[in-house]
PDB file of N, CA and C in Angstrom:
ATOM      1  N   MET A   1     117.962 118.859 125.590  1.00  0.00           N
ATOM      2  CA  MET A   1     117.102 118.813 126.794  1.00  0.00           C
ATOM      3  C   MET A   1     118.023 118.243 127.880  1.00  0.00           C
ATOM      4  N   GLU A   2     118.173 118.954 128.953  1.00  0.00           N
ATOM      5  CA  GLU A   2     119.010 118.576 129.948  1.00  0.00           C
ATOM      6  C   GLU A   2     118.330 117.566 130.969  1.00  0.00           C
ATOM      7  N   ILE A   3     118.879 116.582 131.289  1.00  0.00           N
ATOM      8  CA  ILE A   3     118.416 115.509 132.235  1.00  0.00           C
ATOM      9  C   ILE A   3     119.094 115.647 133.502  1.00  0.00           C
ATOM     10  N   ARG A   4     118.294 115.983 134.497  1.00  0.00           N
ATOM     11  CA  ARG A   4     118.919 116.221 135.955  1.00  0.00           C
ATOM     12  C   ARG A   4     118.590 114.889 136.739  1.00  0.00           C
ATOM     13  N   ASN A   5     119.647 114.378 137.432  1.00  0.00           N
ATOM     14  CA  ASN A   5     119.647 113.307 138.478  1.00  0.00           C
ATOM     15  C   ASN A   5     118.924 113.826 139.727  1.00  0.00           C
ATOM     16  N   ARG A   6     117.897 113.348 140.103  1.00  0.00           N
ATOM     17  CA  ARG A   6     117.178 113.645 141.326  1.00  0.00           C
ATOM     18  C   ARG A   6     117.849 113.071 142.462  1.00  0.00           C
ATOM     19  N   ARG A   7     118.617 112.166 142.484  1.00  0.00           N
ATOM     20  CA  ARG A   7     119.426 111.728 143.614  1.00  0.00           C
ATOM     21  C   ARG A   7     120.433 112.749 144.220  1.00  0.00           C
ATOM     22  N   VAL A   8     120.384 112.791 145.494  1.00  0.00           N
ATOM     23  CA  VAL A   8     121.403 113.723 146.248  1.00  0.00           C
ATOM     24  C   VAL A   8     122.439 112.961 146.853  1.00  0.00           C
ATOM     25  N   ASP A   9     122.144 111.663 147.510  1.00  0.00           N
ATOM     26  CA  ASP A   9     123.061 111.058 148.255  1.00  0.00           C
ATOM     27  C   ASP A   9     123.645 109.831 147.248  1.00  0.00           C
ATOM     28  N   TYR A  10     124.969 109.528 147.456  1.00  0.00           N
ATOM     29  CA  TYR A  10     125.565 108.353 146.827  1.00  0.00           C
ATOM     30  C   TYR A  10     124.949 107.081 147.516  1.00  0.00           C
ATOM     31  N   ARG A  11     124.487 106.153 146.445  1.00  0.00           N
ATOM     32  CA  ARG A  11     123.916 104.912 146.908  1.00  0.00           C
ATOM     33  C   ARG A  11     124.755 103.787 146.786  1.00  0.00           C
ATOM     34  N   VAL A  12     124.936 102.890 147.687  1.00  0.00           N
ATOM     35  CA  VAL A  12     125.584 101.658 147.581  1.00  0.00           C
ATOM     36  C   VAL A  12     124.574 100.532 147.266  1.00  0.00           C
ATOM     37  N   ARG A  13     124.788  99.879 146.064  1.00  0.00           N
ATOM     38  CA  ARG A  13     124.043  98.683 145.776  1.00  0.00           C
ATOM     39  C   ARG A  13     124.604  97.469 146.073  1.00  0.00           C
ATOM     40  N   TYR A  14     123.990  96.527 146.836  1.00  0.00           N
ATOM     41  CA  TYR A  14     124.687  95.383 147.367  1.00  0.00           C
ATOM     42  C   TYR A  14     124.406  94.103 146.444  1.00  0.00           C
ATOM     43  N   PRO A  15     125.502  93.386 146.261  1.00  0.00           N
ATOM     44  CA  PRO A  15     125.277  92.039 145.648  1.00  0.00           C
ATOM     45  C   PRO A  15     124.607  91.011 146.666  1.00  0.00           C
ATOM     46  N   ASP A  16     124.094  90.011 146.238  1.00  0.00           N
ATOM     47  CA  ASP A  16     123.384  89.158 147.134  1.00  0.00           C
ATOM     48  C   ASP A  16     124.136  88.638 148.358  1.00  0.00           C
ATOM     49  N   ARG A  17     125.535  88.420 148.190  1.00  0.00           N
ATOM     50  CA  ARG A  17     126.205  87.806 149.242  1.00  0.00           C
ATOM     51  C   ARG A  17     126.624  88.917 150.285  1.00  0.00           C
ATOM     52  N   LEU A  18     126.553  90.202 150.007  1.00  0.00           N
ATOM     53  CA  LEU A  18     127.035  91.196 150.866  1.00  0.00           C
ATOM     54  C   LEU A  18     125.990  92.086 151.626  1.00  0.00           C
ATOM     55  N   ARG A  19     124.818  91.588 151.178  1.00  0.00           N
ATOM     56  CA  ARG A  19     123.539  92.431 151.580  1.00  0.00           C
ATOM     57  C   ARG A  19     123.534  92.585 153.166  1.00  0.00           C
ATOM     58  N   PRO A  20     123.347  93.785 153.670  1.00  0.00           N
ATOM     59  CA  PRO A  20     123.053  94.087 155.025  1.00  0.00           C
ATOM     60  C   PRO A  20     121.734  93.410 155.483  1.00  0.00           C
ATOM     61  N   THR A  21     121.375  93.487 156.726  1.00  0.00           N
ATOM     62  CA  THR A  21     120.098  93.038 157.237  1.00  0.00           C
ATOM     63  C   THR A  21     119.497  94.131 157.891  1.00  0.00           C
ATOM     64  N   LEU A  22     118.211  94.494 157.608  1.00  0.00           N
ATOM     65  CA  LEU A  22     117.345  95.414 158.489  1.00  0.00           C
ATOM     66  C   LEU A  22     116.588  94.763 159.468  1.00  0.00           C
ATOM     67  N   GLU A  23     116.813  94.982 160.668  1.00  0.00           N
ATOM     68  CA  GLU A  23     116.148  94.384 161.798  1.00  0.00           C
ATOM     69  C   GLU A  23     115.170  95.244 162.324  1.00  0.00           C
ATOM     70  N   TRP A  24     113.895  94.772 162.217  1.00  0.00           N
ATOM     71  CA  TRP A  24     112.703  95.585 162.527  1.00  0.00           C
ATOM     72  C   TRP A  24     111.646  94.649 163.068  1.00  0.00           C
ATOM     73  N   GLU A  25     111.144  94.712 164.395  1.00  0.00           N
ATOM     74  CA  GLU A  25     109.950  94.200 164.972  1.00  0.00           C
ATOM     75  C   GLU A  25     110.191  92.506 164.956  1.00  0.00           C
ATOM     76  N   GLY A  26     111.306  91.999 165.100  1.00  0.00           N
ATOM     77  CA  GLY A  26     111.764  90.629 164.953  1.00  0.00           C
ATOM     78  C   GLY A  26     111.854  90.081 163.609  1.00  0.00           C
ATOM     79  N   ALA A  27     111.762  91.050 162.619  1.00  0.00           N
ATOM     80  CA  ALA A  27     112.085  90.449 161.216  1.00  0.00           C
ATOM     81  C   ALA A  27     113.614  90.825 160.857  1.00  0.00           C
ATOM     82  N   ALA A  28     114.065  89.954 160.087  1.00  0.00           N
ATOM     83  CA  ALA A  28     115.536  90.307 159.495  1.00  0.00           C
ATOM     84  C   ALA A  28     115.282  90.410 157.929  1.00  0.00           C
ATOM     85  N   LEU A  29     115.344  91.637 157.414  1.00  0.00           N
ATOM     86  CA  LEU A  29     114.908  91.927 156.053  1.00  0.00           C
ATOM     87  C   LEU A  29     116.232  92.289 155.197  1.00  0.00           C
ATOM     88  N   SER A  30     116.348  91.644 154.109  1.00  0.00           N
ATOM     89  CA  SER A  30     117.538  91.966 153.070  1.00  0.00           C
ATOM     90  C   SER A  30     117.548  93.276 152.554  1.00  0.00           C
ATOM     91  N   VAL A  31     118.680  94.074 152.686  1.00  0.00           N
ATOM     92  CA  VAL A  31     118.819  95.573 152.317  1.00  0.00           C
ATOM     93  C   VAL A  31     119.333  95.356 150.809  1.00  0.00           C
ATOM     94  N   PHE A  32     118.615  96.091 149.847  1.00  0.00           N
ATOM     95  CA  PHE A  32     119.072  96.115 148.412  1.00  0.00           C
ATOM     96  C   PHE A  32     119.982  97.178 148.207  1.00  0.00           C
ATOM     97  N   ASP A  33     119.721  98.383 148.777  1.00  0.00           N
ATOM     98  CA  ASP A  33     120.720  99.423 148.720  1.00  0.00           C
ATOM     99  C   ASP A  33     120.489 100.478 149.794  1.00  0.00           C
ATOM    100  N   LEU A  34     121.547 101.307 150.010  1.00  0.00           N
ATOM    101  CA  LEU A  34     121.614 102.181 151.104  1.00  0.00           C
ATOM    102  C   LEU A  34     122.330 103.408 150.699  1.00  0.00           C
ATOM    103  N   SER A  35     121.832 104.538 151.245  1.00  0.00           N
ATOM    104  CA  SER A  35     122.465 105.908 151.147  1.00  0.00           C
ATOM    105  C   SER A  35     122.388 106.637 152.407  1.00  0.00           C
ATOM    106  N   GLU A  36     123.029 107.712 152.687  1.00  0.00           N
ATOM    107  CA  GLU A  36     122.750 108.464 153.821  1.00  0.00           C
ATOM    108  C   GLU A  36     121.335 108.864 154.106  1.00  0.00           C
ATOM    109  N   GLY A  37     120.618 109.122 152.989  1.00  0.00           N
ATOM    110  CA  GLY A  37     119.181 109.600 153.065  1.00  0.00           C
ATOM    111  C   GLY A  37     118.151 108.677 152.775  1.00  0.00           C
ATOM    112  N   GLY A  38     118.517 107.348 152.419  1.00  0.00           N
ATOM    113  CA  GLY A  38     117.494 106.428 152.033  1.00  0.00           C
ATOM    114  C   GLY A  38     117.965 104.926 152.165  1.00  0.00           C
ATOM    115  N   ILE A  39     117.119 104.128 152.272  1.00  0.00           N
ATOM    116  CA  ILE A  39     117.184 102.629 152.229  1.00  0.00           C
ATOM    117  C   ILE A  39     116.143 101.978 151.563  1.00  0.00           C
ATOM    118  N   ARG A  40     116.520 100.885 150.732  1.00  0.00           N
ATOM    119  CA  ARG A  40     115.519 100.106 150.021  1.00  0.00           C
ATOM    120  C   ARG A  40     115.738  98.437 150.517  1.00  0.00           C
ATOM    121  N   PHE A  41     114.646  97.836 150.993  1.00  0.00           N
ATOM    122  CA  PHE A  41     114.819  96.602 151.537  1.00  0.00           C
ATOM    123  C   PHE A  41     113.753  95.696 151.244  1.00  0.00           C
ATOM    124  N   SER A  42     113.904  94.358 151.459  1.00  0.00           N
ATOM    125  CA  SER A  42     112.868  93.334 150.981  1.00  0.00           C
ATOM    126  C   SER A  42     111.567  93.594 151.804  1.00  0.00           C
ATOM    127  N   ARG A  43     110.633  93.364 151.033  1.00  0.00           N
ATOM    128  CA  ARG A  43     109.017  93.571 151.659  1.00  0.00           C
ATOM    129  C   ARG A  43     108.924  92.528 152.857  1.00  0.00           C
ATOM    130  N   GLY A  44     109.286  91.222 152.804  1.00  0.00           N
ATOM    131  CA  GLY A  44     108.992  90.273 153.802  1.00  0.00           C
ATOM    132  C   GLY A  44     107.540  89.880 153.803  1.00  0.00           C
ATOM    133  N   ASP A  45     107.272  88.825 154.355  1.00  0.00           N
ATOM    134  CA  ASP A  45     105.948  88.317 154.421  1.00  0.00           C
ATOM    135  C   ASP A  45     104.939  89.120 155.471  1.00  0.00           C
ATOM    136  N   ASP A  46     103.914  89.604 154.987  1.00  0.00           N
ATOM    137  CA  ASP A  46     102.963  90.192 155.867  1.00  0.00           C
ATOM    138  C   ASP A  46     103.536  91.502 156.705  1.00  0.00           C
ATOM    139  N   LEU A  47     104.443  92.219 156.004  1.00  0.00           N
ATOM    140  CA  LEU A  47     105.057  93.390 156.711  1.00  0.00           C
ATOM    141  C   LEU A  47     104.091  94.457 156.768  1.00  0.00           C
ATOM    142  N   PRO A  48     103.768  95.017 157.933  1.00  0.00           N
ATOM    143  CA  PRO A  48     102.683  95.961 158.226  1.00  0.00           C
ATOM    144  C   PRO A  48     103.215  97.432 157.968  1.00  0.00           C
ATOM    145  N   LEU A  49     103.772  97.706 156.753  1.00  0.00           N
ATOM    146  CA  LEU A  49     104.332  98.951 156.615  1.00  0.00           C
ATOM    147  C   LEU A  49     103.585  99.550 155.288  1.00  0.00           C
ATOM    148  N   HIS A  50     103.270 100.846 155.439  1.00  0.00           N
ATOM    149  CA  HIS A  50     102.485 101.614 154.500  1.00  0.00           C
ATOM    150  C   HIS A  50     103.167 102.915 154.158  1.00  0.00           C
ATOM    151  N   THR A  51     102.854 103.485 152.962  1.00  0.00           N
ATOM    152  CA  THR A  51     103.347 104.846 152.613  1.00  0.00           C
ATOM    153  C   THR A  51     103.024 105.767 153.871  1.00  0.00           C
ATOM    154  N   GLY A  52     104.040 106.529 154.144  1.00  0.00           N
ATOM    155  CA  GLY A  52     103.817 107.601 155.223  1.00  0.00           C
ATOM    156  C   GLY A  52     103.979 107.010 156.625  1.00  0.00           C
ATOM    157  N   ASP A  53     104.164 105.893 156.883  1.00  0.00           N
ATOM    158  CA  ASP A  53     104.507 105.202 158.262  1.00  0.00           C
ATOM    159  C   ASP A  53     105.871 105.507 158.550  1.00  0.00           C
ATOM    160  N   HIS A  54     106.222 105.630 159.963  1.00  0.00           N
ATOM    161  CA  HIS A  54     107.399 106.041 160.551  1.00  0.00           C
ATOM    162  C   HIS A  54     108.128 104.809 160.976  1.00  0.00           C
ATOM    163  N   LEU A  55     109.321 104.553 160.613  1.00  0.00           N
ATOM    164  CA  LEU A  55     110.018 103.337 160.781  1.00  0.00           C
ATOM    165  C   LEU A  55     111.283 103.596 161.743  1.00  0.00           C
ATOM    166  N   GLU A  56     111.486 102.830 162.780  1.00  0.00           N
ATOM    167  CA  GLU A  56     112.590 102.816 163.434  1.00  0.00           C
ATOM    168  C   GLU A  56     113.137 101.384 163.442  1.00  0.00           C
ATOM    169  N   ALA A  57     114.509 101.255 163.173  1.00  0.00           N
ATOM    170  CA  ALA A  57     114.884  99.941 162.913  1.00  0.00           C
ATOM    171  C   ALA A  57     116.503  99.922 163.241  1.00  0.00           C
ATOM    172  N   ARG A  58     117.197  98.884 163.019  1.00  0.00           N
ATOM    173  CA  ARG A  58     118.696  98.730 163.036  1.00  0.00           C
ATOM    174  C   ARG A  58     119.132  98.075 161.798  1.00  0.00           C
ATOM    175  N   ILE A  59     120.291  98.571 161.318  1.00  0.00           N
ATOM    176  CA  ILE A  59     120.918  97.863 160.156  1.00  0.00           C
ATOM    177  C   ILE A  59     122.099  97.240 160.616  1.00  0.00           C
ATOM    178  N   ARG A  60     122.139  95.975 160.204  1.00  0.00           N
ATOM    179  CA  ARG A  60     123.426  95.080 160.499  1.00  0.00           C
ATOM    180  C   ARG A  60     124.369  95.128 159.105  1.00  0.00           C
ATOM    181  N   LEU A  61     125.412  95.727 159.078  1.00  0.00           N
ATOM    182  CA  LEU A  61     126.152  95.861 157.868  1.00  0.00           C
ATOM    183  C   LEU A  61     127.154  94.634 157.773  1.00  0.00           C
ATOM    184  N   PRO A  62     127.660  94.456 156.549  1.00  0.00           N
ATOM    185  CA  PRO A  62     128.630  93.383 156.706  1.00  0.00           C
ATOM    186  C   PRO A  62     129.800  93.626 157.555  1.00  0.00           C
ATOM    187  N   HIS A  63     130.420  92.689 158.066  1.00  0.00           N
ATOM    188  CA  HIS A  63     131.468  92.621 159.189  1.00  0.00           C
ATOM    189  C   HIS A  63     130.925  93.222 160.571  1.00  0.00           C
ATOM    190  N   GLY A  64     129.554  93.150 160.830  1.00  0.00           N
ATOM    191  CA  GLY A  64     129.122  93.291 162.067  1.00  0.00           C
ATOM    192  C   GLY A  64     128.843  94.655 162.608  1.00  0.00           C
ATOM    193  N   VAL A  65     129.016  95.671 161.852  1.00  0.00           N
ATOM    194  CA  VAL A  65     128.596  97.005 162.335  1.00  0.00           C
ATOM    195  C   VAL A  65     127.216  97.114 162.279  1.00  0.00           C
ATOM    196  N   VAL A  66     126.731  97.617 163.384  1.00  0.00           N
ATOM    197  CA  VAL A  66     125.079  97.859 163.595  1.00  0.00           C
ATOM    198  C   VAL A  66     124.843  99.292 163.952  1.00  0.00           C
ATOM    199  N   ALA A  67     123.839  99.881 163.364  1.00  0.00           N
ATOM    200  CA  ALA A  67     123.611 101.196 163.430  1.00  0.00           C
ATOM    201  C   ALA A  67     122.009 101.309 163.420  1.00  0.00           C
ATOM    202  N   PRO A  68     121.524 102.224 164.311  1.00  0.00           N
ATOM    203  CA  PRO A  68     120.075 102.660 164.136  1.00  0.00           C
ATOM    204  C   PRO A  68     119.614 103.491 162.995  1.00  0.00           C
ATOM    205  N   LEU A  69     118.397 103.274 162.535  1.00  0.00           N
ATOM    206  CA  LEU A  69     117.993 104.090 161.428  1.00  0.00           C
ATOM    207  C   LEU A  69     116.526 104.577 161.790  1.00  0.00           C
ATOM    208  N   ALA A  70     115.960 105.640 161.297  1.00  0.00           N
ATOM    209  CA  ALA A  70     114.831 106.098 161.421  1.00  0.00           C
ATOM    210  C   ALA A  70     114.407 106.919 160.234  1.00  0.00           C
ATOM    211  N   GLY A  71     113.059 106.831 159.838  1.00  0.00           N
ATOM    212  CA  GLY A  71     112.569 107.541 158.697  1.00  0.00           C
ATOM    213  C   GLY A  71     111.161 107.262 158.149  1.00  0.00           C
ATOM    214  N   PHE A  72     110.811 107.605 157.206  1.00  0.00           N
ATOM    215  CA  PHE A  72     109.307 107.537 156.751  1.00  0.00           C
ATOM    216  C   PHE A  72     109.279 106.748 155.462  1.00  0.00           C
ATOM    217  N   VAL A  73     108.368 105.870 155.371  1.00  0.00           N
ATOM    218  CA  VAL A  73     108.236 105.118 154.087  1.00  0.00           C
ATOM    219  C   VAL A  73     107.666 105.837 153.110  1.00  0.00           C
ATOM    220  N   LEU A  74     108.464 105.784 151.779  1.00  0.00           N
ATOM    221  CA  LEU A  74     108.116 106.579 150.620  1.00  0.00           C
ATOM    222  C   LEU A  74     107.187 105.780 149.846  1.00  0.00           C
ATOM    223  N   ARG A  75     107.553 104.453 149.730  1.00  0.00           N
ATOM    224  CA  ARG A  75     106.521 103.570 148.863  1.00  0.00           C
ATOM    225  C   ARG A  75     106.842 102.084 149.164  1.00  0.00           C
ATOM    226  N   THR A  76     105.833 101.384 148.903  1.00  0.00           N
ATOM    227  CA  THR A  76     105.987  99.888 149.087  1.00  0.00           C
ATOM    228  C   THR A  76     105.631  99.240 147.825  1.00  0.00           C
ATOM    229  N   SER A  77     106.009  98.001 147.691  1.00  0.00           N
ATOM    230  CA  SER A  77     105.602  97.164 146.507  1.00  0.00           C
ATOM    231  C   SER A  77     105.529  95.742 147.044  1.00  0.00           C
ATOM    232  N   ASP A  78     105.201  94.752 146.008  1.00  0.00           N
ATOM    233  CA  ASP A  78     105.257  93.509 146.456  1.00  0.00           C
ATOM    234  C   ASP A  78     106.518  92.913 146.897  1.00  0.00           C
ATOM    235  N   ILE A  79     107.679  93.619 146.327  1.00  0.00           N
ATOM    236  CA  ILE A  79     108.995  93.220 146.450  1.00  0.00           C
ATOM    237  C   ILE A  79     109.713  93.952 147.590  1.00  0.00           C
ATOM    238  N   ASP A  80     109.686  95.217 147.492  1.00  0.00           N
ATOM    239  CA  ASP A  80     110.507  96.072 148.343  1.00  0.00           C
ATOM    240  C   ASP A  80     109.801  97.248 149.068  1.00  0.00           C
ATOM    241  N   VAL A  81     110.499  97.963 149.967  1.00  0.00           N
ATOM    242  CA  VAL A  81     110.043  98.986 150.755  1.00  0.00           C
ATOM    243  C   VAL A  81     111.105 100.056 150.659  1.00  0.00           C
ATOM    244  N   ALA A  82     110.730 101.337 150.306  1.00  0.00           N
ATOM    245  CA  ALA A  82     111.682 102.384 150.213  1.00  0.00           C
ATOM    246  C   ALA A  82     111.516 103.347 151.300  1.00  0.00           C
ATOM    247  N   VAL A  83     112.511 103.765 152.062  1.00  0.00           N
ATOM    248  CA  VAL A  83     112.337 104.679 153.136  1.00  0.00           C
ATOM    249  C   VAL A  83     113.204 105.914 153.117  1.00  0.00           C
ATOM    250  N   ARG A  84     112.730 107.017 153.339  1.00  0.00           N
ATOM    251  CA  ARG A  84     113.573 108.293 153.386  1.00  0.00           C
ATOM    252  C   ARG A  84     114.042 108.457 154.835  1.00  0.00           C
ATOM    253  N   LEU A  85     115.419 108.377 155.066  1.00  0.00           N
ATOM    254  CA  LEU A  85     115.869 108.445 156.399  1.00  0.00           C
ATOM    255  C   LEU A  85     115.971 109.722 156.905  1.00  0.00           C
ATOM    256  N   GLU A  86     115.542 109.837 158.259  1.00  0.00           N
ATOM    257  CA  GLU A  86     115.809 111.137 158.858  1.00  0.00           C
ATOM    258  C   GLU A  86     117.030 111.023 159.830  1.00  0.00           C
ATOM    259  N   HIS A  87     117.354 109.757 160.110  1.00  0.00           N
ATOM    260  CA  HIS A  87     118.473 109.307 160.901  1.00  0.00           C
ATOM    261  C   HIS A  87     119.025 108.109 160.289  1.00  0.00           C
ATOM    262  N   GLY A  88     120.245 108.157 159.657  1.00  0.00           N
ATOM    263  CA  GLY A  88     120.704 106.845 159.089  1.00  0.00           C
ATOM    264  C   GLY A  88     122.267 106.853 159.402  1.00  0.00           C
ATOM    265  N   VAL A  89     122.971 106.257 158.458  1.00  0.00           N
ATOM    266  CA  VAL A  89     124.357 105.983 158.586  1.00  0.00           C
ATOM    267  C   VAL A  89     125.121 107.310 158.073  1.00  0.00           C
ATOM    268  N   SER A  90     126.310 107.429 158.466  1.00  0.00           N
ATOM    269  CA  SER A  90     127.192 108.617 158.053  1.00  0.00           C
ATOM    270  C   SER A  90     127.796 108.441 156.653  1.00  0.00           C
ATOM    271  N   PHE A  91     128.127 109.316 156.116  1.00  0.00           N
ATOM    272  CA  PHE A  91     128.726 109.480 154.736  1.00  0.00           C
ATOM    273  C   PHE A  91     130.124 108.546 154.971  1.00  0.00           C
ATOM    274  N   GLN A  92     130.934 108.687 155.875  1.00  0.00           N
ATOM    275  CA  GLN A  92     132.040 107.739 156.042  1.00  0.00           C
ATOM    276  C   GLN A  92     131.676 106.386 155.907  1.00  0.00           C
ATOM    277  N   THR A  93     130.527 105.886 156.460  1.00  0.00           N
ATOM    278  CA  THR A  93     130.030 104.551 156.513  1.00  0.00           C
ATOM    279  C   THR A  93     129.695 104.216 155.190  1.00  0.00           C
ATOM    280  N   ILE A  94     128.954 105.034 154.445  1.00  0.00           N
ATOM    281  CA  ILE A  94     128.629 104.767 153.057  1.00  0.00           C
ATOM    282  C   ILE A  94     129.944 104.558 152.284  1.00  0.00           C
ATOM    283  N   LEU A  95     130.700 105.471 152.368  1.00  0.00           N
ATOM    284  CA  LEU A  95     132.125 105.281 151.601  1.00  0.00           C
ATOM    285  C   LEU A  95     132.851 103.873 151.856  1.00  0.00           C
ATOM    286  N   ALA A  96     132.944 103.386 153.081  1.00  0.00           N
ATOM    287  CA  ALA A  96     133.404 102.229 153.566  1.00  0.00           C
ATOM    288  C   ALA A  96     132.642 101.110 152.806  1.00  0.00           C
ATOM    289  N   GLN A  97     131.235 101.186 152.827  1.00  0.00           N
ATOM    290  CA  GLN A  97     130.376 100.122 152.255  1.00  0.00           C
ATOM    291  C   GLN A  97     130.699 100.112 150.653  1.00  0.00           C
ATOM    292  N   ARG A  98     130.846 101.271 150.108  1.00  0.00           N
ATOM    293  CA  ARG A  98     131.202 101.381 148.599  1.00  0.00           C
ATOM    294  C   ARG A  98     132.501 100.616 148.350  1.00  0.00           C
ATOM    295  N   ASP A  99     133.524 100.822 149.158  1.00  0.00           N
ATOM    296  CA  ASP A  99     134.824 100.220 148.903  1.00  0.00           C
ATOM    297  C   ASP A  99     134.645  98.767 149.155  1.00  0.00           C
ATOM    298  N   LEU A 100     133.994  98.275 150.145  1.00  0.00           N
ATOM    299  CA  LEU A 100     133.788  96.942 150.342  1.00  0.00           C
ATOM    300  C   LEU A 100     133.033  96.255 149.161  1.00  0.00           C
ATOM    301  N   VAL A 101     132.006  96.764 148.699  1.00  0.00           N
ATOM    302  CA  VAL A 101     131.406  96.286 147.586  1.00  0.00           C
ATOM    303  C   VAL A 101     132.296  96.254 146.284  1.00  0.00           C
ATOM    304  N   SER A 102     132.943  97.362 146.205  1.00  0.00           N
ATOM    305  CA  SER A 102     133.880  97.602 145.001  1.00  0.00           C
ATOM    306  C   SER A 102     135.082  96.418 145.059  1.00  0.00           C
ATOM    307  N   VAL A 103     135.592  96.213 146.274  1.00  0.00           N
ATOM    308  CA  VAL A 103     136.641  95.122 146.302  1.00  0.00           C
ATOM    309  C   VAL A 103     135.980  93.567 146.066  1.00  0.00           C
ATOM    310  N   ASP A 104     134.816  93.585 146.577  1.00  0.00           N
ATOM    311  CA  ASP A 104     134.157  92.176 146.491  1.00  0.00           C
ATOM    312  C   ASP A 104     133.847  91.961 145.066  1.00  0.00           C
ATOM    313  N   SER A 105     133.527  92.967 144.153  1.00  0.00           N
ATOM    314  CA  SER A 105     133.066  92.713 142.717  1.00  0.00           C
ATOM    315  C   SER A 105     134.305  92.784 141.728  1.00  0.00           C
ATOM    316  N   GLY A 106     135.583  93.392 142.316  1.00  0.00           N
ATOM    317  CA  GLY A 106     136.597  93.624 141.519  1.00  0.00           C
ATOM    318  C   GLY A 106     137.426  92.554 141.345  1.00  0.00           C
TER     319      GLY A 106
END
């Protein structure tokens, strides 16, 4: 039986000390992982996000790079929120982030 990976985009998983911040409506939320097509971040206290909601925010990457993001909430839990991005970071930025995480953990 063949098992297929449903993921299309390369995902960067951040260690605690390098996690970017998602800035949304005055909240600064910790980013767990990021790809060109999606982001997963901490739920935060009383965050009014639900499946299907549209999100427009900014991500502050390590070393000060800031980029706008937009997409739709795929799922929420008590711990995190997953968003499918319609406008996110470039593949080159993802590769740079991968290299940053790789150097830090190596």
